[in-house]
């Protein structure tokens, strides 16, 4: 199992388009993936479910914990970390 905490840097947080990109990316991996909004203390959510991810309420500046467990966990945690770091497809200056 691998876990990583990262700050949500994109302007809209895990809402609509960024959440869809995150879910689509997480779904590419065989490993189980969860996302947890550490800032609000929300329960871990299935990162392959758009409703669960959007329900995490992760906004800009919040810290989220990504947990990945399975055969491709190393690649998955790396790709998902980089996706968050790059702004989830959004301009970080907005």
Protein backbone atom coordinates (compact mmCIF):
# COMPACT_ATOMS: atom_id res chain seq x y z
CA UNK A 1 0.00 0.00 0.00
CA UNK A 2 1.24 3.50 -0.86
CA UNK A 3 -0.07 6.81 0.48
CA UNK A 4 0.74 10.42 -0.29
CA UNK A 5 -0.56 13.75 0.95
CA UNK A 6 -0.71 16.71 -1.39
CA UNK A 7 -2.25 20.18 -1.46
CA UNK A 8 -5.06 20.90 -3.90
CA UNK A 9 -3.64 23.79 -5.93
CA UNK A 10 -6.16 24.32 -8.72
CA UNK A 11 -8.74 27.11 -8.34
CA UNK A 12 -11.90 24.97 -8.31
CA UNK A 13 -10.68 22.06 -6.19
CA UNK A 14 -12.15 18.62 -6.88
CA UNK A 15 -15.26 19.82 -8.67
CA UNK A 16 -16.68 18.94 -12.10
CA UNK A 17 -13.92 18.92 -14.73
CA UNK A 18 -10.92 18.40 -12.39
CA UNK A 19 -12.75 15.62 -10.54
CA UNK A 20 -13.66 13.93 -13.84
CA UNK A 21 -10.03 14.03 -14.96
CA UNK A 22 -8.89 12.62 -11.61
CA UNK A 23 -11.47 9.80 -11.70
CA UNK A 24 -10.66 8.95 -15.32
CA UNK A 25 -6.96 8.76 -14.46
CA UNK A 26 -7.52 6.68 -11.30
CA UNK A 27 -9.71 4.26 -13.25
CA UNK A 28 -6.78 3.40 -15.56
CA UNK A 29 -5.12 1.48 -12.73
CA UNK A 30 -5.94 -1.98 -11.41
CA UNK A 31 -5.13 -0.89 -7.85
CA UNK A 32 -7.77 0.32 -5.42
CA UNK A 33 -7.48 4.11 -5.06
CA UNK A 34 -9.00 6.32 -2.38
CA UNK A 35 -8.87 10.06 -1.80
CA UNK A 36 -9.45 11.63 1.60
CA UNK A 37 -9.84 15.31 2.42
CA UNK A 38 -7.51 15.55 5.41
CA UNK A 39 -8.29 19.24 5.95
CA UNK A 40 -11.96 18.59 6.73
CA UNK A 41 -11.50 15.12 8.21
CA UNK A 42 -13.78 13.52 5.61
CA UNK A 43 -13.80 9.75 5.26
CA UNK A 44 -11.79 8.16 2.45
CA UNK A 45 -13.70 8.09 -0.85
CA UNK A 46 -13.43 5.73 -3.82
CA UNK A 47 -11.31 7.68 -6.32
CA UNK A 48 -12.93 5.82 -9.21
CA UNK A 49 -16.37 7.29 -8.41
CA UNK A 50 -17.11 10.83 -9.59
CA UNK A 51 -19.81 11.30 -6.95
CA UNK A 52 -17.55 10.11 -4.15
CA UNK A 53 -14.68 12.33 -5.28
CA UNK A 54 -16.85 15.43 -5.65
CA UNK A 55 -18.42 14.64 -2.28
CA UNK A 56 -15.03 14.89 -0.59
CA UNK A 57 -15.38 18.66 -0.72
CA UNK A 58 -11.69 19.21 -1.48
CA UNK A 59 -11.18 22.89 -2.28
CA UNK A 60 -8.10 24.90 -3.18
CA UNK A 61 -5.62 24.82 -0.31
CA UNK A 62 -7.00 21.63 1.22
CA UNK A 63 -4.70 18.68 1.86
CA UNK A 64 -5.81 15.35 0.41
CA UNK A 65 -4.43 11.90 1.11
CA UNK A 66 -4.17 9.54 -1.83
CA UNK A 67 -4.01 5.85 -0.90
CA UNK A 68 -3.30 3.20 -3.51
CA UNK A 69 -3.23 -0.54 -2.93
CA UNK A 70 -2.60 -3.10 -5.64
CA UNK A 71 -0.32 -4.41 -8.35
CA UNK A 72 0.40 -1.05 -10.02
CA UNK A 73 0.37 1.13 -6.90
CA UNK A 74 3.81 2.68 -7.50
CA UNK A 75 2.89 3.94 -10.95
CA UNK A 76 -0.60 5.00 -9.84
CA UNK A 77 0.59 7.07 -6.87
CA UNK A 78 3.21 8.77 -9.04
CA UNK A 79 0.79 9.64 -11.85
CA UNK A 80 -1.95 10.86 -9.48
CA UNK A 81 0.50 12.94 -7.44
CA UNK A 82 1.78 14.59 -10.62
CA UNK A 83 -1.81 15.24 -11.75
CA UNK A 84 -2.57 17.11 -8.51
CA UNK A 85 0.75 18.97 -8.62
CA UNK A 86 0.05 20.17 -12.16
CA UNK A 87 -3.38 21.57 -11.24
CA UNK A 88 -5.71 18.79 -12.40
CA UNK A 89 -5.90 20.24 -15.90
CA UNK A 90 -6.55 23.80 -14.73
CA UNK A 91 -4.40 26.93 -14.83
CA UNK A 92 -2.84 27.34 -11.39
CA UNK A 93 -2.67 31.13 -11.81
CA UNK A 94 -6.45 31.56 -12.04
